[in-house]
Amino acid sequence: MSELWDFTRINMTQNNLQELKEYWNLAYSCFTFGKVDLVPTVEECTILLHFPRI
């Protein structure tokens, strides 16, 4: 397994999700950090919310 994999793994907690909620832009359905918009993929959402993959 790649060493990069260790840096990309994040353990999400309820506090992390609450903090991310502050950056969610309802109008554009994306996260907005300053002038940068980030849109999570379906795979990322399933991991963050602990939903099984479809």
N, C-alpha and C. Protein backbone atom coordinates (compact mmCIF):
# COMPACT_ATOMS: atom_id res chain seq x y z
N MET A 1 0.84 -1.18 0.00
CA MET A 1 0.00 0.00 0.00
C MET A 1 0.88 1.25 0.00
N SER A 2 0.46 2.26 -0.67
CA SER A 2 1.22 3.50 -0.81
C SER A 2 1.30 4.26 0.51
N GLU A 3 2.41 4.98 0.70
CA GLU A 3 2.54 5.83 1.88
C GLU A 3 1.56 7.00 1.80
N LEU A 4 1.21 7.40 0.60
CA LEU A 4 0.26 8.50 0.43
C LEU A 4 -1.09 8.15 1.04
N TRP A 5 -1.46 6.87 1.00
CA TRP A 5 -2.74 6.44 1.57
C TRP A 5 -2.85 6.84 3.02
N ASP A 6 -1.77 6.77 3.79
CA ASP A 6 -1.80 7.13 5.20
C ASP A 6 -2.16 8.60 5.40
N PHE A 7 -1.78 9.44 4.47
CA PHE A 7 -2.06 10.87 4.60
C PHE A 7 -3.46 11.23 4.13
N THR A 8 -4.09 10.38 3.37
CA THR A 8 -5.42 10.69 2.84
C THR A 8 -6.54 10.13 3.71
N ARG A 9 -6.22 9.32 4.69
CA ARG A 9 -7.25 8.74 5.56
C ARG A 9 -7.59 9.72 6.67
N ILE A 10 -8.89 9.96 6.86
CA ILE A 10 -9.35 10.89 7.88
C ILE A 10 -10.43 10.20 8.70
N ASN A 11 -10.31 10.25 10.01
CA ASN A 11 -11.36 9.73 10.87
C ASN A 11 -12.34 10.85 11.16
N MET A 12 -13.59 10.68 10.73
CA MET A 12 -14.60 11.71 10.91
C MET A 12 -15.34 11.50 12.22
N THR A 13 -15.61 12.58 12.92
CA THR A 13 -16.41 12.54 14.13
C THR A 13 -17.58 13.50 13.95
N GLN A 14 -18.50 13.46 14.89
CA GLN A 14 -19.66 14.37 14.83
C GLN A 14 -19.19 15.82 14.86
N ASN A 15 -18.14 16.12 15.63
CA ASN A 15 -17.62 17.49 15.69
C ASN A 15 -17.09 17.93 14.33
N ASN A 16 -16.41 17.03 13.62
CA ASN A 16 -15.90 17.37 12.29
C ASN A 16 -17.04 17.72 11.36
N LEU A 17 -18.11 16.95 11.40
CA LEU A 17 -19.25 17.21 10.53
C LEU A 17 -19.93 18.52 10.89
N GLN A 18 -20.01 18.84 12.17
CA GLN A 18 -20.59 20.12 12.58
C GLN A 18 -19.76 21.29 12.07
N GLU A 19 -18.44 21.15 12.11
CA GLU A 19 -17.57 22.21 11.62
C GLU A 19 -17.69 22.37 10.10
N LEU A 20 -17.79 21.26 9.38
CA LEU A 20 -17.95 21.33 7.93
C LEU A 20 -19.26 22.00 7.54
N LYS A 21 -20.29 21.81 8.35
CA LYS A 21 -21.60 22.38 8.06
C LYS A 21 -21.53 23.90 7.93
N GLU A 22 -20.63 24.52 8.66
CA GLU A 22 -20.49 25.98 8.61
C GLU A 22 -20.02 26.46 7.24
N TYR A 23 -19.35 25.60 6.48
CA TYR A 23 -18.81 25.98 5.18
C TYR A 23 -19.70 25.55 4.01
N TRP A 24 -20.83 24.87 4.30
CA TRP A 24 -21.71 24.38 3.24
C TRP A 24 -22.51 25.55 2.67
N ASN A 25 -22.49 25.70 1.36
CA ASN A 25 -23.21 26.75 0.66
C ASN A 25 -24.48 26.14 0.08
N LEU A 26 -25.63 26.43 0.68
CA LEU A 26 -26.89 25.85 0.24
C LEU A 26 -27.26 26.27 -1.18
N ALA A 27 -26.93 27.49 -1.55
CA ALA A 27 -27.30 28.00 -2.87
C ALA A 27 -26.62 27.21 -3.99
N TYR A 28 -25.38 26.79 -3.77
CA TYR A 28 -24.61 26.11 -4.81
C TYR A 28 -24.35 24.63 -4.51
N SER A 29 -24.81 24.15 -3.35
CA SER A 29 -24.61 22.76 -2.93
C SER A 29 -23.15 22.35 -2.99
N CYS A 30 -22.31 23.16 -2.36
CA CYS A 30 -20.88 22.86 -2.29
C CYS A 30 -20.30 23.48 -1.02
N PHE A 31 -19.08 23.11 -0.70
CA PHE A 31 -18.38 23.75 0.40
C PHE A 31 -17.66 24.96 -0.16
N THR A 32 -17.70 26.08 0.57
CA THR A 32 -17.02 27.29 0.14
C THR A 32 -16.02 27.69 1.22
N PHE A 33 -14.73 27.72 0.83
CA PHE A 33 -13.64 28.13 1.70
C PHE A 33 -13.02 29.36 1.08
N GLY A 34 -13.40 30.54 1.55
CA GLY A 34 -12.92 31.77 0.93
C GLY A 34 -13.45 31.87 -0.49
N LYS A 35 -12.55 31.90 -1.47
CA LYS A 35 -12.95 31.99 -2.88
C LYS A 35 -12.92 30.63 -3.57
N VAL A 36 -12.73 29.57 -2.81
CA VAL A 36 -12.62 28.23 -3.38
C VAL A 36 -13.87 27.42 -3.07
N ASP A 37 -14.48 26.83 -4.10
CA ASP A 37 -15.64 25.96 -3.94
C ASP A 37 -15.20 24.51 -4.12
N LEU A 38 -15.61 23.65 -3.21
CA LEU A 38 -15.30 22.23 -3.29
C LEU A 38 -16.58 21.42 -3.28
N VAL A 39 -16.69 20.50 -4.22
CA VAL A 39 -17.88 19.65 -4.31
C VAL A 39 -17.46 18.21 -4.01
N PRO A 40 -18.01 17.62 -2.93
CA PRO A 40 -17.64 16.23 -2.63
C PRO A 40 -18.26 15.27 -3.63
N THR A 41 -17.55 14.20 -3.92
CA THR A 41 -18.07 13.16 -4.80
C THR A 41 -19.02 12.27 -4.02
N VAL A 42 -19.76 11.43 -4.72
CA VAL A 42 -20.67 10.49 -4.06
C VAL A 42 -19.89 9.58 -3.13
N GLU A 43 -18.73 9.12 -3.58
CA GLU A 43 -17.90 8.24 -2.75
C GLU A 43 -17.47 8.94 -1.47
N GLU A 44 -17.08 10.21 -1.57
CA GLU A 44 -16.66 10.95 -0.39
C GLU A 44 -17.82 11.15 0.59
N CYS A 45 -18.99 11.42 0.06
CA CYS A 45 -20.18 11.60 0.92
C CYS A 45 -20.52 10.33 1.66
N THR A 46 -20.45 9.19 0.99
CA THR A 46 -20.77 7.93 1.66
C THR A 46 -19.78 7.63 2.77
N ILE A 47 -18.53 7.98 2.56
CA ILE A 47 -17.52 7.75 3.60
C ILE A 47 -17.73 8.71 4.77
N LEU A 48 -17.96 9.99 4.48
CA LEU A 48 -18.15 10.97 5.54
C LEU A 48 -19.38 10.67 6.39
N LEU A 49 -20.44 10.21 5.77
CA LEU A 49 -21.69 9.97 6.48
C LEU A 49 -21.85 8.52 6.93
N HIS A 50 -20.84 7.70 6.64
CA HIS A 50 -20.85 6.29 7.03
C HIS A 50 -22.02 5.51 6.41
N PHE A 51 -22.39 5.84 5.18
CA PHE A 51 -23.42 5.10 4.46
C PHE A 51 -22.76 4.01 3.64
N PRO A 52 -23.41 2.87 3.51
CA PRO A 52 -22.84 1.83 2.64
C PRO A 52 -22.90 2.27 1.18
N ARG A 53 -21.97 1.78 0.40
CA ARG A 53 -21.96 2.13 -1.03
C ARG A 53 -23.11 1.47 -1.74
N ILE A 54 -23.65 2.16 -2.70
CA ILE A 54 -24.78 1.64 -3.48
C ILE A 54 -24.25 0.86 -4.66
